[in-house]
Amino acid sequence: MNFPQLMKSKDKAVTGLTSGIEFLFKKNNVDYIKGWGKFDSSTDISVDLNDGKTSNIKAKNTIIATGSEPSSFPPGMFDVDEKYVVTSTGALSLEKVPKRMIVIGGGVIGLEMGSVYNRLGTDVTVIQHTEVICPFLDREIANAFQKILKKQGLKFECNTRFLTGVNNKEKGVQCTVEGPKGKKDLEADVVLLSIGRRPYTGGLQLEKAGLKVNEQGRVDINKTW
């Protein structure tokens, strides 16, 4: 496998998709501004433009569609550097195929990335705190899915929770986990942190628009709004 060429193909696909959206904007006469926007009121938005200038927009209705970002552990517990301890973002930009990878979180994103690197030759171990992967799925389907991934070569540590981690760039990354048989240490070249995603709402000044967010950063809503 020519891994650098694989990454180039990925970058080309991403560029094609984003430039395609830009083309559709132009084709359909949709104005767009490149920068960071935030609310000044429920009808006023200020934008810090990428070129260093600022712009102001007034609108009666605004759709908040800022997406999400990977969830992480509390600061200092196991810091992400996107090289040795990575999120899905860093996992898509590794410089080489790691020999060993630990995936913390047996959800969709972690299993997707883990199965990709498994097929590239990486020894992948998945740490999942519940009895089975993808606990949101029908149990029978989740069990069948886990058996399929095991046949492909993935290893699973279920009913196991992450305790601590140390990023040692010379020896790799060490993790301490606790499962049904007690605590044990695991080592890998790369750890993929995949414990869910959270709304990307920081810095929007939602309070100035009269909006409230919960602890996860989600905008509080009810049955009608």
Protein backbone atom coordinates (compact mmCIF):
# COMPACT_ATOMS: atom_id res chain seq x y z
CA MET A 1 0.00 0.00 0.00
CA ASN A 2 1.35 3.41 -1.02
CA PHE A 3 0.11 5.29 2.04
CA PRO A 4 1.23 8.80 0.98
CA GLN A 5 -0.62 8.30 -2.31
CA LEU A 6 -3.70 7.18 -0.36
CA MET A 7 -3.56 10.44 1.65
CA LYS A 8 -3.22 12.46 -1.57
CA SER A 9 -6.32 10.75 -2.94
CA LYS A 10 -8.19 11.60 0.29
CA ASP A 11 -7.11 15.25 0.10
CA LYS A 12 -8.20 15.43 -3.54
CA ALA A 13 -11.65 14.06 -2.64
CA VAL A 14 -12.07 16.58 0.19
CA THR A 15 -10.99 19.48 -2.02
CA GLY A 16 -13.36 18.34 -4.75
CA LEU A 17 -16.31 18.19 -2.37
CA THR A 18 -15.70 21.58 -0.76
CA SER A 19 -15.00 23.35 -4.06
CA GLY A 20 -18.15 21.72 -5.45
CA ILE A 21 -20.22 23.35 -2.72
CA GLU A 22 -18.58 26.71 -3.51
CA PHE A 23 -19.51 26.25 -7.18
CA LEU A 24 -23.14 25.57 -6.23
CA PHE A 25 -23.21 28.78 -4.18
CA LYS A 26 -22.03 30.80 -7.15
CA LYS A 27 -24.34 29.03 -9.57
CA ASN A 28 -27.41 29.74 -7.41
CA ASN A 29 -26.44 33.31 -6.50
CA VAL A 30 -25.81 32.50 -2.82
CA ASP A 31 -23.60 35.11 -1.14
CA TYR A 32 -21.02 33.68 1.25
CA ILE A 33 -18.44 35.20 3.56
CA LYS A 34 -15.32 33.39 4.76
CA GLY A 35 -14.65 34.05 8.42
CA TRP A 36 -15.80 33.50 12.00
CA GLY A 37 -19.30 34.74 12.83
CA LYS A 38 -20.86 35.56 16.18
CA PHE A 39 -24.13 37.08 17.34
CA ASP A 40 -24.31 40.69 18.51
CA SER A 41 -28.09 40.39 18.90
CA SER A 42 -30.85 38.11 17.64
CA THR A 43 -30.75 39.93 14.27
CA ASP A 44 -27.13 41.15 14.05
CA ILE A 45 -24.07 39.03 13.25
CA SER A 46 -20.48 40.23 13.13
CA VAL A 47 -17.89 38.31 11.15
CA ASP A 48 -14.12 38.27 11.68
CA LEU A 49 -13.03 37.78 8.09
CA ASN A 50 -10.13 35.54 7.11
CA ASP A 51 -8.30 38.54 5.65
CA GLY A 52 -8.28 40.31 9.03
CA LYS A 53 -11.17 42.67 8.37
CA THR A 54 -14.66 42.58 9.87
CA SER A 55 -18.13 42.51 8.38
CA ASN A 56 -21.63 42.93 9.80
CA ILE A 57 -24.82 41.21 8.66
CA LYS A 58 -28.40 41.90 9.65
CA ALA A 59 -30.93 39.09 9.26
CA LYS A 60 -34.42 38.37 10.48
CA ASN A 61 -33.83 34.58 10.52
CA THR A 62 -30.59 32.70 11.14
CA ILE A 63 -29.84 28.99 10.81
CA ILE A 64 -27.09 27.76 13.14
CA ALA A 65 -25.28 24.97 11.30
CA THR A 66 -21.79 25.02 12.76
CA GLY A 67 -21.44 21.25 13.05
CA SER A 68 -19.64 19.35 15.78
CA GLU A 69 -16.18 18.57 17.08
CA PRO A 70 -14.71 15.47 18.79
CA SER A 71 -15.32 15.14 22.51
CA SER A 72 -12.22 14.80 24.68
CA PHE A 73 -11.18 14.00 28.23
CA PRO A 74 -10.79 16.81 30.79
CA PRO A 75 -7.63 18.94 30.24
CA GLY A 76 -4.46 17.22 31.42
CA MET A 77 -5.99 13.74 31.63
CA PHE A 78 -4.96 12.60 28.14
CA ASP A 79 -4.16 15.48 25.83
CA VAL A 80 -4.72 15.22 22.09
CA ASP A 81 -1.77 16.22 19.88
CA GLU A 82 -3.26 14.82 16.61
CA LYS A 83 -0.03 12.86 16.03
CA TYR A 84 0.18 10.19 18.72
CA VAL A 85 -3.12 10.79 20.52
CA VAL A 86 -5.55 11.62 17.73
CA THR A 87 -9.20 12.30 17.02
CA SER A 88 -10.83 11.29 13.75
CA THR A 89 -9.28 14.47 12.28
CA GLY A 90 -5.74 13.37 13.08
CA ALA A 91 -6.47 9.76 12.12
CA LEU A 92 -7.18 10.99 8.59
CA SER A 93 -3.80 12.72 8.39
CA LEU A 94 -1.26 10.27 9.83
CA GLU A 95 2.14 10.29 8.11
CA LYS A 96 2.44 6.50 8.10
CA VAL A 97 0.47 3.37 8.96
CA PRO A 98 0.97 2.63 12.68
CA LYS A 99 1.90 -0.90 13.74
CA ARG A 100 -0.43 -0.74 16.76
CA MET A 101 -3.50 1.39 17.41
CA ILE A 102 -5.78 1.62 20.43
CA VAL A 103 -9.27 2.95 19.76
CA ILE A 104 -10.98 4.37 22.85
CA GLY A 105 -14.70 4.17 22.09
CA GLY A 106 -16.57 1.46 20.20
CA GLY A 107 -18.95 3.74 18.32
CA VAL A 108 -19.41 4.35 14.61
CA ILE A 109 -16.45 6.68 14.02
CA GLY A 110 -13.94 4.69 16.06
CA LEU A 111 -14.91 1.41 14.41
CA GLU A 112 -14.86 2.96 10.95
CA MET A 113 -11.33 4.33 11.38
CA GLY A 114 -10.17 1.22 13.24
CA SER A 115 -11.38 -1.10 10.49
CA VAL A 116 -9.65 1.03 7.84
CA TYR A 117 -6.29 0.84 9.57
CA ASN A 118 -6.82 -2.85 10.34
CA ARG A 119 -7.10 -3.48 6.60
CA LEU A 120 -3.91 -1.47 6.11
CA GLY A 121 -2.08 -3.84 8.46
CA THR A 122 -2.41 -2.17 11.87
CA ASP A 123 -2.96 -4.25 15.00
CA VAL A 124 -6.13 -2.57 16.37
CA THR A 125 -7.56 -2.90 19.89
CA VAL A 126 -10.91 -1.26 20.74
CA ILE A 127 -11.71 -0.18 24.31
CA GLN A 128 -15.47 -0.03 24.99
CA HIS A 129 -17.08 0.68 28.38
CA THR A 130 -20.27 -1.30 27.64
CA GLU A 131 -20.78 -5.04 27.11
CA VAL A 132 -20.92 -4.69 23.35
CA ILE A 133 -19.94 -2.15 20.69
CA CYS A 134 -22.45 0.37 19.33
CA PRO A 135 -24.82 0.13 22.32
CA PHE A 136 -27.37 2.32 20.52
CA LEU A 137 -27.97 -0.46 17.97
CA ASP A 138 -30.28 -3.43 18.32
CA ARG A 139 -28.33 -5.87 20.51
CA GLU A 140 -28.49 -8.72 17.99
CA ILE A 141 -27.15 -6.48 15.23
CA ALA A 142 -24.37 -5.11 17.48
CA ASN A 143 -23.28 -8.63 18.45
CA ALA A 144 -23.22 -9.75 14.81
CA PHE A 145 -21.27 -6.64 13.81
CA GLN A 146 -18.69 -7.26 16.53
CA LYS A 147 -18.20 -10.87 15.35
CA ILE A 148 -17.63 -9.65 11.79
CA LEU A 149 -15.00 -7.15 12.94
CA LYS A 150 -13.30 -9.83 15.07
CA LYS A 151 -13.00 -12.06 12.00
CA GLN A 152 -11.37 -9.13 10.20
CA GLY A 153 -8.75 -8.97 12.97
CA LEU A 154 -9.91 -6.27 15.37
CA LYS A 155 -9.51 -6.99 19.10
CA PHE A 156 -12.06 -5.85 21.69
CA GLU A 157 -11.84 -5.01 25.38
CA CYS A 158 -15.50 -4.59 26.38
CA ASN A 159 -16.84 -3.70 29.83
CA THR A 160 -13.56 -1.84 30.08
CA ARG A 161 -13.01 1.79 30.96
CA PHE A 162 -10.05 4.05 30.31
CA LEU A 163 -8.25 5.23 33.45
CA THR A 164 -5.09 7.10 32.47
CA GLY A 165 -2.80 7.59 29.52
CA VAL A 166 0.78 8.71 28.95
CA ASN A 167 2.09 10.03 25.64
CA ASN A 168 5.71 8.90 25.41
CA LYS A 169 6.93 9.79 21.93
CA GLU A 170 9.98 7.50 22.21
CA LYS A 171 8.15 4.37 23.38
CA GLY A 172 4.68 5.04 22.02
CA VAL A 173 1.51 5.69 23.99
CA GLN A 174 0.69 3.82 27.20
CA CYS A 175 -2.85 3.43 28.51
CA THR A 176 -4.14 1.98 31.76
CA VAL A 177 -7.59 0.42 31.53
CA GLU A 178 -9.81 -1.47 33.94
CA GLY A 179 -11.99 -4.39 32.90
CA PRO A 180 -13.69 -7.44 34.43
CA LYS A 181 -10.30 -8.94 35.33
CA GLY A 182 -8.87 -5.78 36.85
CA LYS A 183 -6.42 -3.15 35.66
CA LYS A 184 -3.87 -3.61 32.90
CA ASP A 185 -1.56 -1.56 30.73
CA LEU A 186 -1.75 -1.36 26.95
CA GLU A 187 0.73 0.16 24.52
CA ALA A 188 0.35 1.45 20.97
CA ASP A 189 1.98 3.73 18.43
CA VAL A 190 -1.23 5.75 18.10
CA VAL A 191 -4.33 6.13 20.27
CA LEU A 192 -7.54 7.17 18.55
CA LEU A 193 -9.84 9.01 20.94
CA SER A 194 -13.40 8.41 19.75
CA ILE A 195 -15.76 9.03 22.66
CA GLY A 196 -18.41 10.94 20.76
CA ARG A 197 -18.87 14.44 19.40
CA ARG A 198 -20.17 17.69 20.85
CA PRO A 199 -21.79 20.73 19.19
CA TYR A 200 -19.36 23.32 17.87
CA THR A 201 -21.02 26.36 19.44
CA GLY A 202 -18.18 28.01 21.37
CA GLY A 203 -17.58 31.65 20.51
CA LEU A 204 -20.95 32.20 18.82
CA GLN A 205 -22.14 34.51 21.65
CA LEU A 206 -25.48 32.70 21.61
CA GLU A 207 -26.54 34.45 24.80
CA LYS A 208 -26.68 37.76 22.87
CA ALA A 209 -29.24 36.13 20.56
CA GLY A 210 -31.34 35.10 23.55
CA LEU A 211 -30.33 31.43 23.30
CA LYS A 212 -29.27 29.07 26.08
CA VAL A 213 -26.99 26.05 25.82
CA ASN A 214 -26.65 23.03 28.09
CA GLU A 215 -23.44 21.55 29.52
CA GLN A 216 -22.74 19.74 26.25
CA GLY A 217 -23.01 22.97 24.26
CA ARG A 218 -26.33 22.05 22.66
CA VAL A 219 -28.89 24.81 22.15
CA ASP A 220 -31.87 24.28 24.44
CA ILE A 221 -35.02 23.59 22.42
CA ASN A 222 -38.61 22.52 23.04
CA LYS A 223 -41.40 20.96 20.93
CA THR A 224 -41.67 23.95 18.61
CA TRP A 225 -38.26 25.65 18.54
